[in-house]
Amino acid sequence: MTAESKSAPPLSGDAAKARIDAKIAGLDDWRGRTLAQVRALIHEALPDVAETVKWGRVPVWERQGILTTGEVYKAAVKLTFPKGASLPDPAGLFNSSLDGNARRAIDLHQGETIDAEALKALVREAAALNAAGKKR
């Protein structure tokens, strides 16, 4: 079983930080820059956010549960909010997974500008929802 295996145990703390750093460094195109920017914005929104890596390769940001994941695909960096359907999104950031009962996602494509303030507000709302213990 390799470290990239879907059944690999989750990483947290310094191990997760190092894996995410390596993932960003390994993406020498717009996707790496986008993931790095999103990561920085999440930390600006919640300085004490916990970083983990789950499923062998996916960066995850948590506080009292998962806030969002940062998956990287060929044509998009996807931020999935497991409880996104319960979050206010006045800026209309959610543009993917809109038909489910729980999740919502933001697909970021090459050349797109991230609405930094709206993303930070969404991350803070996700943290507040987790803190309230509200179920999906």
N, C-alpha and C. Protein backbone atom coordinates (compact mmCIF):
# COMPACT_ATOMS: atom_id res chain seq x y z
N MET A 1 0.85 -1.18 0.00
CA MET A 1 0.00 0.00 0.00
C MET A 1 0.89 1.24 0.00
N THR A 2 0.63 2.15 -0.89
CA THR A 2 1.43 3.38 -0.96
C THR A 2 0.80 4.46 -0.11
N ALA A 3 1.58 5.52 0.16
CA ALA A 3 1.08 6.65 0.94
C ALA A 3 -0.08 7.34 0.23
N GLU A 4 -0.15 7.20 -1.08
CA GLU A 4 -1.21 7.84 -1.84
C GLU A 4 -2.48 7.00 -1.90
N SER A 5 -2.46 5.84 -1.28
CA SER A 5 -3.61 4.94 -1.31
C SER A 5 -4.82 5.55 -0.63
N LYS A 6 -5.99 5.26 -1.16
CA LYS A 6 -7.21 5.78 -0.56
C LYS A 6 -7.43 5.22 0.83
N SER A 7 -6.81 4.09 1.15
CA SER A 7 -6.98 3.51 2.48
C SER A 7 -5.86 3.92 3.44
N ALA A 8 -5.03 4.84 3.03
CA ALA A 8 -3.95 5.32 3.91
C ALA A 8 -4.57 6.02 5.11
N PRO A 9 -3.95 5.89 6.28
CA PRO A 9 -4.50 6.57 7.46
C PRO A 9 -4.41 8.08 7.30
N PRO A 10 -5.33 8.80 7.92
CA PRO A 10 -5.29 10.26 7.86
C PRO A 10 -4.01 10.80 8.50
N LEU A 11 -3.56 11.94 8.01
CA LEU A 11 -2.41 12.63 8.59
C LEU A 11 -2.92 13.90 9.25
N SER A 12 -2.26 14.29 10.34
CA SER A 12 -2.61 15.56 10.99
C SER A 12 -1.33 16.23 11.45
N GLY A 13 -1.46 17.43 11.98
CA GLY A 13 -0.32 18.15 12.52
C GLY A 13 0.75 18.44 11.49
N ASP A 14 2.02 18.31 11.92
CA ASP A 14 3.15 18.61 11.04
C ASP A 14 3.21 17.70 9.82
N ALA A 15 2.79 16.44 9.99
CA ALA A 15 2.80 15.50 8.85
C ALA A 15 1.83 15.96 7.77
N ALA A 16 0.66 16.42 8.17
CA ALA A 16 -0.32 16.92 7.20
C ALA A 16 0.18 18.20 6.53
N LYS A 17 0.73 19.10 7.33
CA LYS A 17 1.27 20.35 6.78
C LYS A 17 2.34 20.06 5.74
N ALA A 18 3.24 19.13 6.07
CA ALA A 18 4.32 18.78 5.14
C ALA A 18 3.76 18.15 3.86
N ARG A 19 2.74 17.30 3.97
CA ARG A 19 2.15 16.67 2.79
C ARG A 19 1.47 17.71 1.91
N ILE A 20 0.78 18.67 2.52
CA ILE A 20 0.12 19.71 1.73
C ILE A 20 1.16 20.62 1.08
N ASP A 21 2.21 20.97 1.83
CA ASP A 21 3.31 21.76 1.25
C ASP A 21 3.87 21.04 0.02
N ALA A 22 4.10 19.73 0.14
CA ALA A 22 4.67 18.94 -0.96
C ALA A 22 3.70 18.89 -2.14
N LYS A 23 2.42 18.76 -1.85
CA LYS A 23 1.42 18.72 -2.93
C LYS A 23 1.44 20.03 -3.71
N ILE A 24 1.45 21.15 -2.99
CA ILE A 24 1.48 22.45 -3.66
C ILE A 24 2.76 22.61 -4.47
N ALA A 25 3.90 22.23 -3.89
CA ALA A 25 5.18 22.35 -4.59
C ALA A 25 5.22 21.46 -5.83
N GLY A 26 4.53 20.32 -5.77
CA GLY A 26 4.53 19.39 -6.89
C GLY A 26 3.63 19.83 -8.04
N LEU A 27 2.77 20.77 -7.78
CA LEU A 27 1.88 21.31 -8.81
C LEU A 27 2.47 22.61 -9.31
N ASP A 28 3.30 22.54 -10.33
CA ASP A 28 4.02 23.72 -10.79
C ASP A 28 3.25 24.50 -11.85
N ASP A 29 1.94 24.58 -11.65
CA ASP A 29 1.11 25.34 -12.57
C ASP A 29 0.07 26.12 -11.76
N TRP A 30 -0.96 26.61 -12.42
CA TRP A 30 -1.99 27.42 -11.79
C TRP A 30 -2.68 26.70 -10.64
N ARG A 31 -2.76 25.37 -10.70
CA ARG A 31 -3.44 24.62 -9.65
C ARG A 31 -2.70 24.72 -8.32
N GLY A 32 -1.37 24.66 -8.35
CA GLY A 32 -0.59 24.81 -7.14
C GLY A 32 -0.74 26.19 -6.54
N ARG A 33 -0.70 27.20 -7.40
CA ARG A 33 -0.87 28.57 -6.93
C ARG A 33 -2.27 28.78 -6.34
N THR A 34 -3.27 28.19 -6.99
CA THR A 34 -4.65 28.32 -6.51
C THR A 34 -4.83 27.62 -5.17
N LEU A 35 -4.31 26.41 -5.05
CA LEU A 35 -4.42 25.68 -3.77
C LEU A 35 -3.69 26.44 -2.66
N ALA A 36 -2.54 26.99 -2.96
CA ALA A 36 -1.79 27.78 -1.97
C ALA A 36 -2.58 29.02 -1.56
N GLN A 37 -3.20 29.68 -2.51
CA GLN A 37 -3.99 30.88 -2.21
C GLN A 37 -5.19 30.53 -1.34
N VAL A 38 -5.89 29.47 -1.69
CA VAL A 38 -7.05 29.03 -0.92
C VAL A 38 -6.62 28.68 0.50
N ARG A 39 -5.53 27.96 0.62
CA ARG A 39 -5.01 27.58 1.94
C ARG A 39 -4.73 28.82 2.78
N ALA A 40 -4.09 29.80 2.19
CA ALA A 40 -3.77 31.04 2.92
C ALA A 40 -5.05 31.76 3.35
N LEU A 41 -6.05 31.81 2.50
CA LEU A 41 -7.31 32.47 2.84
C LEU A 41 -8.02 31.74 3.97
N ILE A 42 -7.99 30.42 3.95
CA ILE A 42 -8.61 29.64 5.03
C ILE A 42 -7.92 29.96 6.36
N HIS A 43 -6.59 30.05 6.34
CA HIS A 43 -5.85 30.38 7.56
C HIS A 43 -6.09 31.83 8.00
N GLU A 44 -6.32 32.72 7.06
CA GLU A 44 -6.67 34.10 7.43
C GLU A 44 -8.04 34.12 8.11
N ALA A 45 -8.96 33.34 7.59
CA ALA A 45 -10.32 33.30 8.15
C ALA A 45 -10.32 32.67 9.54
N LEU A 46 -9.55 31.62 9.71
CA LEU A 46 -9.51 30.86 10.96
C LEU A 46 -8.06 30.50 11.27
N PRO A 47 -7.33 31.37 11.94
CA PRO A 47 -5.91 31.11 12.19
C PRO A 47 -5.63 29.78 12.90
N ASP A 48 -6.59 29.29 13.69
CA ASP A 48 -6.36 28.04 14.41
C ASP A 48 -6.95 26.82 13.72
N VAL A 49 -7.26 26.94 12.44
CA VAL A 49 -7.83 25.81 11.69
C VAL A 49 -6.83 24.65 11.68
N ALA A 50 -7.36 23.44 11.76
CA ALA A 50 -6.51 22.24 11.71
C ALA A 50 -6.43 21.75 10.27
N GLU A 51 -5.22 21.43 9.85
CA GLU A 51 -5.02 20.84 8.52
C GLU A 51 -4.82 19.34 8.69
N THR A 52 -5.50 18.59 7.87
CA THR A 52 -5.31 17.14 7.83
C THR A 52 -5.20 16.73 6.37
N VAL A 53 -4.79 15.50 6.16
CA VAL A 53 -4.81 14.90 4.83
C VAL A 53 -5.55 13.59 4.97
N LYS A 54 -6.61 13.43 4.20
CA LYS A 54 -7.43 12.22 4.27
C LYS A 54 -7.44 11.53 2.91
N TRP A 55 -7.82 10.28 2.95
CA TRP A 55 -7.94 9.47 1.75
C TRP A 55 -6.62 9.41 0.99
N GLY A 56 -5.52 9.56 1.73
CA GLY A 56 -4.19 9.42 1.16
C GLY A 56 -3.64 10.63 0.44
N ARG A 57 -4.52 11.59 0.07
CA ARG A 57 -4.01 12.67 -0.77
C ARG A 57 -4.77 13.99 -0.69
N VAL A 58 -5.90 14.03 -0.02
CA VAL A 58 -6.76 15.21 -0.07
C VAL A 58 -6.52 16.14 1.13
N PRO A 59 -6.11 17.37 0.88
CA PRO A 59 -6.01 18.34 1.97
C PRO A 59 -7.40 18.63 2.53
N VAL A 60 -7.48 18.67 3.86
CA VAL A 60 -8.75 18.90 4.54
C VAL A 60 -8.51 19.94 5.63
N TRP A 61 -9.43 20.88 5.75
CA TRP A 61 -9.36 21.89 6.80
C TRP A 61 -10.51 21.64 7.74
N GLU A 62 -10.18 21.57 9.06
CA GLU A 62 -11.17 21.17 10.05
C GLU A 62 -11.20 22.09 11.25
N ARG A 63 -12.37 22.20 11.82
CA ARG A 63 -12.57 22.76 13.15
C ARG A 63 -13.90 22.19 13.63
N GLN A 64 -13.82 21.31 14.62
CA GLN A 64 -14.99 20.61 15.14
C GLN A 64 -15.71 19.85 14.02
N GLY A 65 -14.93 19.33 13.10
CA GLY A 65 -15.45 18.63 11.94
C GLY A 65 -14.87 19.25 10.67
N ILE A 66 -15.12 18.61 9.57
CA ILE A 66 -14.58 19.09 8.29
C ILE A 66 -15.28 20.38 7.89
N LEU A 67 -14.47 21.37 7.51
CA LEU A 67 -14.99 22.62 6.94
C LEU A 67 -15.03 22.49 5.43
N THR A 68 -13.87 22.13 4.86
CA THR A 68 -13.78 21.98 3.40
C THR A 68 -12.61 21.09 3.05
N THR A 69 -12.68 20.52 1.87
CA THR A 69 -11.58 19.74 1.32
C THR A 69 -11.04 20.48 0.11
N GLY A 70 -9.80 20.19 -0.27
CA GLY A 70 -9.18 20.84 -1.42
C GLY A 70 -8.67 19.82 -2.42
N GLU A 71 -9.55 19.36 -3.28
CA GLU A 71 -9.18 18.36 -4.27
C GLU A 71 -8.64 19.04 -5.52
N VAL A 72 -7.66 18.41 -6.14
CA VAL A 72 -7.04 18.98 -7.34
C VAL A 72 -7.29 18.05 -8.52
N TYR A 73 -7.86 18.61 -9.55
CA TYR A 73 -8.13 17.89 -10.79
C TYR A 73 -7.41 18.59 -11.93
N LYS A 74 -7.43 17.99 -13.10
CA LYS A 74 -6.74 18.57 -14.25
C LYS A 74 -7.27 19.96 -14.60
N ALA A 75 -8.59 20.13 -14.52
CA ALA A 75 -9.19 21.39 -14.95
C ALA A 75 -9.73 22.25 -13.82
N ALA A 76 -9.59 21.80 -12.56
CA ALA A 76 -10.17 22.58 -11.46
C ALA A 76 -9.51 22.24 -10.13
N VAL A 77 -9.54 23.20 -9.25
CA VAL A 77 -9.29 22.96 -7.83
C VAL A 77 -10.67 23.06 -7.20
N LYS A 78 -11.09 21.98 -6.54
CA LYS A 78 -12.45 21.88 -6.01
C LYS A 78 -12.43 21.96 -4.49
N LEU A 79 -13.17 22.92 -3.96
CA LEU A 79 -13.36 23.04 -2.52
C LEU A 79 -14.75 22.50 -2.21
N THR A 80 -14.81 21.40 -1.50
CA THR A 80 -16.09 20.80 -1.16
C THR A 80 -16.39 21.05 0.31
N PHE A 81 -17.54 21.62 0.57
CA PHE A 81 -18.03 21.89 1.92
C PHE A 81 -19.09 20.83 2.24
N PRO A 82 -18.79 19.89 3.14
CA PRO A 82 -19.74 18.80 3.41
C PRO A 82 -21.12 19.27 3.86
N LYS A 83 -21.20 20.41 4.54
CA LYS A 83 -22.47 20.95 5.01
C LYS A 83 -22.85 22.21 4.24
N GLY A 84 -22.35 22.32 3.02
CA GLY A 84 -22.54 23.54 2.22
C GLY A 84 -23.98 23.92 1.97
N ALA A 85 -24.87 22.94 1.87
CA ALA A 85 -26.28 23.25 1.61
C ALA A 85 -26.91 24.01 2.77
N SER A 86 -26.28 23.93 3.95
CA SER A 86 -26.79 24.65 5.12
C SER A 86 -26.12 26.00 5.33
N LEU A 87 -25.22 26.37 4.44
CA LEU A 87 -24.47 27.62 4.61
C LEU A 87 -25.04 28.74 3.74
N PRO A 88 -25.11 29.94 4.29
CA PRO A 88 -25.48 31.08 3.44
C PRO A 88 -24.36 31.36 2.46
N ASP A 89 -24.70 31.68 1.23
CA ASP A 89 -23.72 31.96 0.18
C ASP A 89 -24.16 33.19 -0.61
N PRO A 90 -24.18 34.35 0.05
CA PRO A 90 -24.69 35.54 -0.64
C PRO A 90 -23.86 35.94 -1.85
N ALA A 91 -22.59 35.59 -1.89
CA ALA A 91 -21.75 35.94 -3.04
C ALA A 91 -21.88 34.94 -4.19
N GLY A 92 -22.59 33.84 -3.95
CA GLY A 92 -22.78 32.84 -5.01
C GLY A 92 -21.51 32.10 -5.38
N LEU A 93 -20.69 31.78 -4.39
CA LEU A 93 -19.45 31.06 -4.67
C LEU A 93 -19.70 29.61 -5.09
N PHE A 94 -20.70 28.97 -4.49
CA PHE A 94 -20.96 27.58 -4.83
C PHE A 94 -21.38 27.47 -6.29
N ASN A 95 -20.66 26.64 -7.05
CA ASN A 95 -20.97 26.47 -8.46
C ASN A 95 -20.92 25.00 -8.89
N SER A 96 -20.89 24.09 -7.90
CA SER A 96 -20.81 22.67 -8.20
C SER A 96 -21.49 21.89 -7.07
N SER A 97 -21.94 20.69 -7.39
CA SER A 97 -22.63 19.83 -6.42
C SER A 97 -23.83 20.54 -5.82
N LEU A 98 -24.58 21.24 -6.65
CA LEU A 98 -25.68 22.06 -6.18
C LEU A 98 -26.98 21.29 -5.97
N ASP A 99 -27.04 20.05 -6.44
CA ASP A 99 -28.30 19.32 -6.37
C ASP A 99 -28.40 18.37 -5.18
N GLY A 100 -27.38 18.29 -4.38
CA GLY A 100 -27.41 17.38 -3.23
C GLY A 100 -28.08 18.02 -2.03
N ASN A 101 -28.35 17.19 -1.02
CA ASN A 101 -29.00 17.67 0.19
C ASN A 101 -28.02 18.25 1.20
N ALA A 102 -26.74 17.96 1.05
CA ALA A 102 -25.78 18.37 2.07
C ALA A 102 -24.61 19.16 1.50
N ARG A 103 -23.89 18.56 0.57
CA ARG A 103 -22.65 19.17 0.07
C ARG A 103 -22.91 20.27 -0.94
N ARG A 104 -21.92 21.17 -0.97
CA ARG A 104 -21.82 22.16 -2.03
C ARG A 104 -20.34 22.33 -2.30
N ALA A 105 -20.00 22.71 -3.52
CA ALA A 105 -18.59 22.83 -3.87
C ALA A 105 -18.36 24.10 -4.69
N ILE A 106 -17.09 24.49 -4.68
CA ILE A 106 -16.63 25.61 -5.50
C ILE A 106 -15.55 25.06 -6.41
N ASP A 107 -15.79 25.09 -7.70
CA ASP A 107 -14.79 24.70 -8.68
C ASP A 107 -14.06 25.95 -9.14
N LEU A 108 -12.77 25.97 -8.92
CA LEU A 108 -11.93 27.10 -9.34
C LEU A 108 -11.15 26.67 -10.57
N HIS A 109 -11.27 27.45 -11.63
CA HIS A 109 -10.62 27.12 -12.90
C HIS A 109 -9.49 28.10 -13.20
N GLN A 110 -8.63 27.70 -14.10
CA GLN A 110 -7.50 28.54 -14.49
C GLN A 110 -7.98 29.92 -14.90
N GLY A 111 -7.32 30.94 -14.39
CA GLY A 111 -7.60 32.32 -14.76
C GLY A 111 -8.71 32.98 -13.95
N GLU A 112 -9.43 32.21 -13.14
CA GLU A 112 -10.50 32.79 -12.33
C GLU A 112 -9.92 33.49 -11.11
N THR A 113 -10.60 34.54 -10.70
CA THR A 113 -10.21 35.27 -9.50
C THR A 113 -11.06 34.78 -8.33
N ILE A 114 -10.42 34.55 -7.21
CA ILE A 114 -11.11 34.10 -6.01
C ILE A 114 -11.60 35.34 -5.25
N ASP A 115 -12.87 35.34 -4.88
CA ASP A 115 -13.41 36.40 -4.03
C ASP A 115 -12.96 36.09 -2.60
N ALA A 116 -11.85 36.68 -2.21
CA ALA A 116 -11.19 36.34 -0.95
C ALA A 116 -12.09 36.57 0.25
N GLU A 117 -12.75 37.71 0.30
CA GLU A 117 -13.59 38.02 1.46
C GLU A 117 -14.78 37.08 1.55
N ALA A 118 -15.38 36.77 0.41
CA ALA A 118 -16.53 35.87 0.40
C ALA A 118 -16.11 34.45 0.82
N LEU A 119 -14.94 34.00 0.36
CA LEU A 119 -14.47 32.66 0.74
C LEU A 119 -14.18 32.61 2.24
N LYS A 120 -13.54 33.64 2.76
CA LYS A 120 -13.26 33.66 4.20
C LYS A 120 -14.55 33.67 5.01
N ALA A 121 -15.55 34.41 4.56
CA ALA A 121 -16.84 34.43 5.25
C ALA A 121 -17.49 33.05 5.22
N LEU A 122 -17.39 32.35 4.10
CA LEU A 122 -17.96 31.02 3.96
C LEU A 122 -17.27 30.03 4.91
N VAL A 123 -15.96 30.13 5.01
CA VAL A 123 -15.21 29.26 5.92
C VAL A 123 -15.61 29.53 7.37
N ARG A 124 -15.76 30.79 7.72
CA ARG A 124 -16.19 31.14 9.09
C ARG A 124 -17.61 30.63 9.36
N GLU A 125 -18.48 30.71 8.37
CA GLU A 125 -19.85 30.19 8.53
C GLU A 125 -19.82 28.67 8.72
N ALA A 126 -18.96 27.98 7.98
CA ALA A 126 -18.85 26.53 8.13
C ALA A 126 -18.36 26.18 9.53
N ALA A 127 -17.43 26.94 10.06
CA ALA A 127 -16.93 26.71 11.42
C ALA A 127 -18.03 26.96 12.44
N ALA A 128 -18.81 28.01 12.25
CA ALA A 128 -19.90 28.31 13.17
C ALA A 128 -20.95 27.19 13.15
N LEU A 129 -21.23 26.67 11.96
CA LEU A 129 -22.19 25.57 11.84
C LEU A 129 -21.68 24.33 12.56
N ASN A 130 -20.39 24.02 12.40
CA ASN A 130 -19.82 22.88 13.10
C ASN A 130 -19.88 23.09 14.61
N ALA A 131 -19.58 24.31 15.06
CA ALA A 131 -19.57 24.62 16.49
C ALA A 131 -20.98 24.48 17.09
N ALA A 132 -21.98 24.80 16.28
CA ALA A 132 -23.36 24.71 16.75
C ALA A 132 -23.83 23.25 16.82
N GLY A 133 -23.05 22.35 16.22
CA GLY A 133 -23.40 20.94 16.24
C GLY A 133 -24.57 20.60 15.36
N LYS A 134 -24.87 21.49 14.42
CA LYS A 134 -26.01 21.28 13.53
C LYS A 134 -25.70 20.14 12.56
N LYS A 135 -26.63 19.25 12.42
CA LYS A 135 -26.47 18.12 11.51
C LYS A 135 -26.73 18.57 10.08
N ARG A 136 -26.20 17.79 9.15
CA ARG A 136 -26.43 18.08 7.73
C ARG A 136 -27.91 18.08 7.50
